[in-house]
Amino acid sequence: MISVCILTKNAAATLKATLDSVRSFDEVILLDNGSTDDTIAIAKTFPNVQIHMSPFIGFGPLRNEAARLARHDWILSLDSDEVLSPALLAELETIQLHPQNAYFFPRHNYYNKKRIKGCGWDPEQIARLYNRNFAKFSSSQVHEKLEANHFTRLSSPILHTPYRSTADFLAKMQHYSTLFAEQYRGKRRSSFAIAMAHAVYAFFRSYILKRGLFCGKEGFLISLYNANTTLYKYLKLAELNNLKI
């Protein structure tokens, strides 16, 4: 048996689709860290969902806390803007899981209802299915990774819509840049010049090297977002390191 674990905060715009895709699982752990929209009300309409609350302690620690709350040892960790494809649901019903293996899925990323095949968004593989007795997430505040000794790849995708509006870009830029600065305070150097250099390279990498150029206006906007997020990550880090910028 698999327990689905989902982290939420103000996820009303995407949560219903996520929960609809995991109706067949007998237990869904929803760990919320302070939603003020209809997230909790939506979750309460699904009988297989158990709602828990936690302050924000970092994405890695939150994923591990959600796994601890589950009844089953097998954990499928999802974001509140991810949907299991019908093909992946069918694949999960047929495979034999090995406790010492963690499992990768392809993730298809969408913006403006368009699958983005550049900007570093594709191809993408994420490890989210594991046995909690043999694997766990890192303690990172952001960009947490599943730590396991063995990994196996599945063929069917998770569908992901990380940004639905300009406001989503701005909100995530603010949130993730702050988490980055807090995580690397005193561990990495930064300054205005370093921030600018990283930002310029982030745009070049996303738009040129990662082929955002071929993704239309969406590719340009995503590349610009990547550059701005990188700029503010390092500017905030410089401030926390008490450097002049």
Protein backbone atom coordinates (compact mmCIF):
# COMPACT_ATOMS: atom_id res chain seq x y z
CA MET A 1 0.00 0.00 0.00
CA ILE A 2 1.15 3.53 -0.83
CA SER A 3 0.44 6.69 1.15
CA VAL A 4 0.39 9.91 -0.86
CA CYS A 5 1.94 12.90 0.91
CA ILE A 6 1.25 16.45 -0.28
CA LEU A 7 2.57 19.76 1.07
CA THR A 8 0.27 22.74 0.72
CA LYS A 9 0.10 26.46 1.27
CA ASN A 10 -2.56 28.50 -0.55
CA ALA A 11 -2.91 25.79 -3.19
CA ALA A 12 -6.63 26.25 -3.96
CA ALA A 13 -6.01 26.94 -7.66
CA THR A 14 -4.42 23.55 -8.33
CA LEU A 15 -5.25 21.25 -5.42
CA LYS A 16 -8.53 19.77 -6.68
CA ALA A 17 -6.88 18.40 -9.84
CA THR A 18 -4.09 16.92 -7.73
CA LEU A 19 -6.47 15.24 -5.31
CA ASP A 20 -8.72 14.01 -8.12
CA SER A 21 -5.71 12.18 -9.57
CA VAL A 22 -5.04 10.28 -6.32
CA ARG A 23 -8.63 9.29 -5.44
CA SER A 24 -7.71 5.61 -5.80
CA PHE A 25 -5.22 5.72 -2.90
CA ASP A 26 -6.66 4.87 0.49
CA GLU A 27 -4.58 7.48 2.34
CA VAL A 28 -3.52 10.98 1.35
CA ILE A 29 -1.61 12.99 3.95
CA LEU A 30 -1.99 16.72 3.39
CA LEU A 31 0.48 18.74 5.45
CA ASP A 32 -0.47 22.41 5.32
CA ASN A 33 1.73 25.26 6.49
CA GLY A 34 -0.61 28.19 6.85
CA SER A 35 -3.09 28.37 3.97
CA THR A 36 -5.42 31.37 4.03
CA ASP A 37 -7.39 30.50 0.87
CA ASP A 38 -9.77 27.56 0.22
CA THR A 39 -7.06 24.87 0.35
CA ILE A 40 -8.38 23.22 3.51
CA ALA A 41 -12.01 23.44 2.41
CA ILE A 42 -11.16 21.69 -0.86
CA ALA A 43 -9.18 19.00 0.94
CA LYS A 44 -12.10 18.27 3.27
CA THR A 45 -14.27 17.24 0.32
CA PHE A 46 -12.03 14.21 -0.35
CA PRO A 47 -12.72 11.31 2.06
CA ASN A 48 -9.25 9.76 1.66
CA VAL A 49 -7.45 12.95 2.74
CA GLN A 50 -6.11 13.45 6.26
CA ILE A 51 -5.25 17.07 7.05
CA HIS A 52 -2.34 18.03 9.30
CA MET A 53 -0.84 21.41 10.09
CA SER A 54 2.77 22.49 10.52
CA PRO A 55 4.74 25.73 10.48
CA PHE A 56 7.12 26.05 7.56
CA ILE A 57 10.37 24.31 8.53
CA GLY A 58 11.82 23.86 5.05
CA PHE A 59 10.71 21.67 2.17
CA GLY A 60 12.95 18.72 2.99
CA PRO A 61 11.95 18.53 6.67
CA LEU A 62 8.28 19.01 5.77
CA ARG A 63 8.34 16.11 3.30
CA ASN A 64 9.90 13.89 5.95
CA GLU A 65 7.33 14.98 8.53
CA ALA A 66 4.48 14.18 6.14
CA ALA A 67 5.96 10.71 5.56
CA ARG A 68 6.20 10.16 9.31
CA LEU A 69 2.46 10.85 9.67
CA ALA A 70 1.50 8.19 7.10
CA ARG A 71 0.22 4.70 7.92
CA HIS A 72 2.06 2.95 5.09
CA ASP A 73 5.82 2.65 4.61
CA TRP A 74 5.60 3.30 0.88
CA ILE A 75 5.40 7.06 0.27
CA LEU A 76 4.48 8.94 -2.90
CA SER A 77 5.46 12.56 -2.31
CA LEU A 78 3.65 15.09 -4.51
CA ASP A 79 3.44 18.84 -4.85
CA SER A 80 0.02 20.49 -4.82
CA ASP A 81 0.42 21.48 -8.48
CA GLU A 82 1.28 17.97 -9.71
CA VAL A 83 -1.15 15.45 -11.20
CA LEU A 84 -0.62 11.73 -11.71
CA SER A 85 -1.22 10.84 -15.34
CA PRO A 86 -3.58 7.91 -16.07
CA ALA A 87 -0.60 6.06 -17.54
CA LEU A 88 1.38 6.46 -14.32
CA LEU A 89 -1.57 5.27 -12.23
CA ALA A 90 -1.78 2.17 -14.41
CA GLU A 91 1.98 1.59 -14.17
CA LEU A 92 1.91 1.84 -10.37
CA GLU A 93 -0.78 -0.86 -10.27
CA THR A 94 1.38 -3.32 -12.22
CA ILE A 95 4.93 -2.90 -10.92
CA GLN A 96 6.40 -4.83 -8.01
CA LEU A 97 8.03 -2.40 -5.61
CA HIS A 98 11.34 -3.29 -3.96
CA PRO A 99 11.82 -1.66 -0.52
CA GLN A 100 15.45 -0.68 -1.06
CA ASN A 101 14.65 1.08 -4.35
CA ALA A 102 13.39 4.61 -4.80
CA TYR A 103 11.59 5.43 -8.03
CA PHE A 104 12.03 8.21 -10.60
CA PHE A 105 9.24 9.53 -12.82
CA PRO A 106 9.44 11.79 -15.84
CA ARG A 107 7.76 15.13 -15.14
CA HIS A 108 6.05 17.09 -17.91
CA ASN A 109 5.89 20.80 -17.13
CA TYR A 110 3.21 23.16 -18.45
CA TYR A 111 2.81 26.93 -18.69
CA ASN A 112 -0.10 28.68 -20.44
CA LYS A 113 -1.51 25.17 -21.07
CA LYS A 114 1.57 24.44 -23.18
CA ARG A 115 4.13 21.76 -22.43
CA ILE A 116 7.51 23.45 -22.11
CA LYS A 117 10.28 21.40 -23.72
CA GLY A 118 13.13 23.82 -23.02
CA CYS A 119 14.42 26.20 -20.32
CA GLY A 120 15.69 23.21 -18.33
CA TRP A 121 12.10 22.06 -17.80
CA ASP A 122 12.37 19.06 -20.10
CA PRO A 123 13.53 16.35 -19.99
CA GLU A 124 13.11 16.16 -16.21
CA GLN A 125 13.16 13.20 -13.86
CA ILE A 126 12.07 13.44 -10.22
CA ALA A 127 12.38 10.83 -7.46
CA ARG A 128 9.22 10.78 -5.36
CA LEU A 129 8.24 7.16 -4.61
CA TYR A 130 10.15 5.41 -1.83
CA ASN A 131 10.01 3.23 1.25
CA ARG A 132 10.52 5.42 4.31
CA ASN A 133 12.51 2.67 6.06
CA PHE A 134 15.25 2.94 3.43
CA ALA A 135 15.09 6.50 2.10
CA LYS A 136 14.25 10.06 3.12
CA PHE A 137 14.49 13.60 1.82
CA SER A 138 17.47 15.82 2.52
CA SER A 139 17.07 18.51 5.16
CA SER A 140 17.47 21.32 2.62
CA GLN A 141 15.16 24.32 2.92
CA VAL A 142 14.68 24.35 -0.85
CA HIS A 143 15.63 22.08 -3.79
CA GLU A 144 15.45 19.08 -1.47
CA LYS A 145 16.46 15.70 -2.88
CA LEU A 146 15.42 12.15 -2.08
CA GLU A 147 18.34 10.27 -0.52
CA ALA A 148 18.41 6.55 -1.32
CA ASN A 149 20.97 3.92 -2.25
CA HIS A 150 19.21 2.57 -5.33
CA PHE A 151 16.95 4.21 -7.90
CA THR A 152 14.69 2.76 -10.60
CA ARG A 153 13.08 4.70 -13.45
CA LEU A 154 9.42 4.41 -14.35
CA SER A 155 8.23 5.39 -17.81
CA SER A 156 4.97 7.28 -17.23
CA PRO A 157 4.82 10.98 -16.26
CA ILE A 158 3.64 13.27 -13.54
CA LEU A 159 2.01 16.40 -15.02
CA HIS A 160 3.11 19.69 -13.47
CA THR A 161 1.77 23.24 -13.73
CA PRO A 162 4.13 25.32 -11.56
CA TYR A 163 2.97 28.78 -12.71
CA ARG A 164 -0.54 29.83 -13.67
CA SER A 165 -0.07 33.61 -13.66
CA THR A 166 2.45 36.43 -13.36
CA ALA A 167 1.57 36.60 -9.67
CA ASP A 168 2.75 32.99 -9.30
CA PHE A 169 6.12 33.90 -10.77
CA LEU A 170 6.52 36.85 -8.43
CA ALA A 171 5.39 34.94 -5.33
CA LYS A 172 7.73 32.02 -5.97
CA MET A 173 10.60 34.35 -6.82
CA GLN A 174 10.22 36.04 -3.45
CA HIS A 175 9.82 32.79 -1.52
CA TYR A 176 12.58 30.73 -3.13
CA SER A 177 15.14 33.53 -3.23
CA THR A 178 14.68 34.07 0.51
CA LEU A 179 15.03 30.35 1.26
CA PHE A 180 18.19 30.17 -0.87
CA ALA A 181 19.76 33.11 0.96
CA GLU A 182 18.92 31.65 4.36
CA GLN A 183 20.25 28.22 3.40
CA TYR A 184 23.61 29.50 2.12
CA ARG A 185 24.19 32.36 4.56
CA GLY A 186 27.85 32.27 5.56
CA LYS A 187 28.50 29.34 3.23
CA ARG A 188 28.75 31.17 -0.11
CA ARG A 189 30.15 34.53 -1.13
CA SER A 190 27.97 37.10 -2.82
CA SER A 191 27.98 40.73 -3.94
CA PHE A 192 26.24 42.91 -6.50
CA ALA A 193 28.74 41.85 -9.16
CA ILE A 194 28.36 38.16 -8.31
CA ALA A 195 24.57 38.48 -8.38
CA MET A 196 24.62 40.17 -11.79
CA ALA A 197 27.01 37.59 -13.23
CA HIS A 198 24.86 34.69 -12.02
CA ALA A 199 21.69 36.34 -13.34
CA VAL A 200 23.11 36.97 -16.82
CA TYR A 201 24.36 33.41 -17.04
CA ALA A 202 21.01 32.05 -15.78
CA PHE A 203 19.20 33.78 -18.66
CA PHE A 204 21.79 32.62 -21.21
CA ARG A 205 21.66 29.07 -19.92
CA SER A 206 17.85 28.91 -19.92
CA TYR A 207 17.16 30.75 -23.17
CA ILE A 208 20.10 29.57 -25.30
CA LEU A 209 21.75 26.48 -23.84
CA LYS A 210 18.46 24.96 -22.60
CA ARG A 211 16.58 25.95 -25.78
CA GLY A 212 14.02 28.32 -24.30
CA LEU A 213 14.45 30.20 -27.58
CA PHE A 214 12.30 27.53 -29.24
CA CYS A 215 9.47 27.73 -26.68
CA GLY A 216 7.91 30.98 -27.89
CA LYS A 217 7.01 33.78 -25.52
CA GLU A 218 6.72 31.24 -22.70
CA GLY A 219 10.39 30.35 -23.11
CA PHE A 220 11.42 34.00 -22.91
CA LEU A 221 9.28 34.66 -19.82
CA ILE A 222 10.55 31.56 -18.02
CA SER A 223 14.16 32.45 -18.84
CA LEU A 224 13.58 35.99 -17.57
CA TYR A 225 12.07 34.58 -14.40
CA ASN A 226 15.09 32.30 -13.92
CA ALA A 227 17.42 35.28 -14.31
CA ASN A 228 15.49 37.48 -11.89
CA THR A 229 15.17 34.75 -9.28
CA THR A 230 18.92 34.15 -9.49
CA LEU A 231 19.63 37.88 -9.17
CA TYR A 232 17.54 38.24 -6.03
CA LYS A 233 18.86 35.01 -4.51
CA TYR A 234 22.37 36.40 -4.54
CA LEU A 235 21.40 39.96 -3.61
CA LYS A 236 19.57 38.63 -0.55
CA LEU A 237 22.52 36.37 0.26
CA ALA A 238 24.86 39.36 0.09
CA GLU A 239 22.64 41.23 2.53
CA LEU A 240 22.56 38.31 4.94
CA ASN A 241 26.33 37.99 4.70
CA ASN A 242 26.56 41.68 5.61
CA LEU A 243 28.37 42.56 2.38
CA LYS A 244 27.97 45.88 0.61
CA ILE A 245 26.00 45.57 -2.58
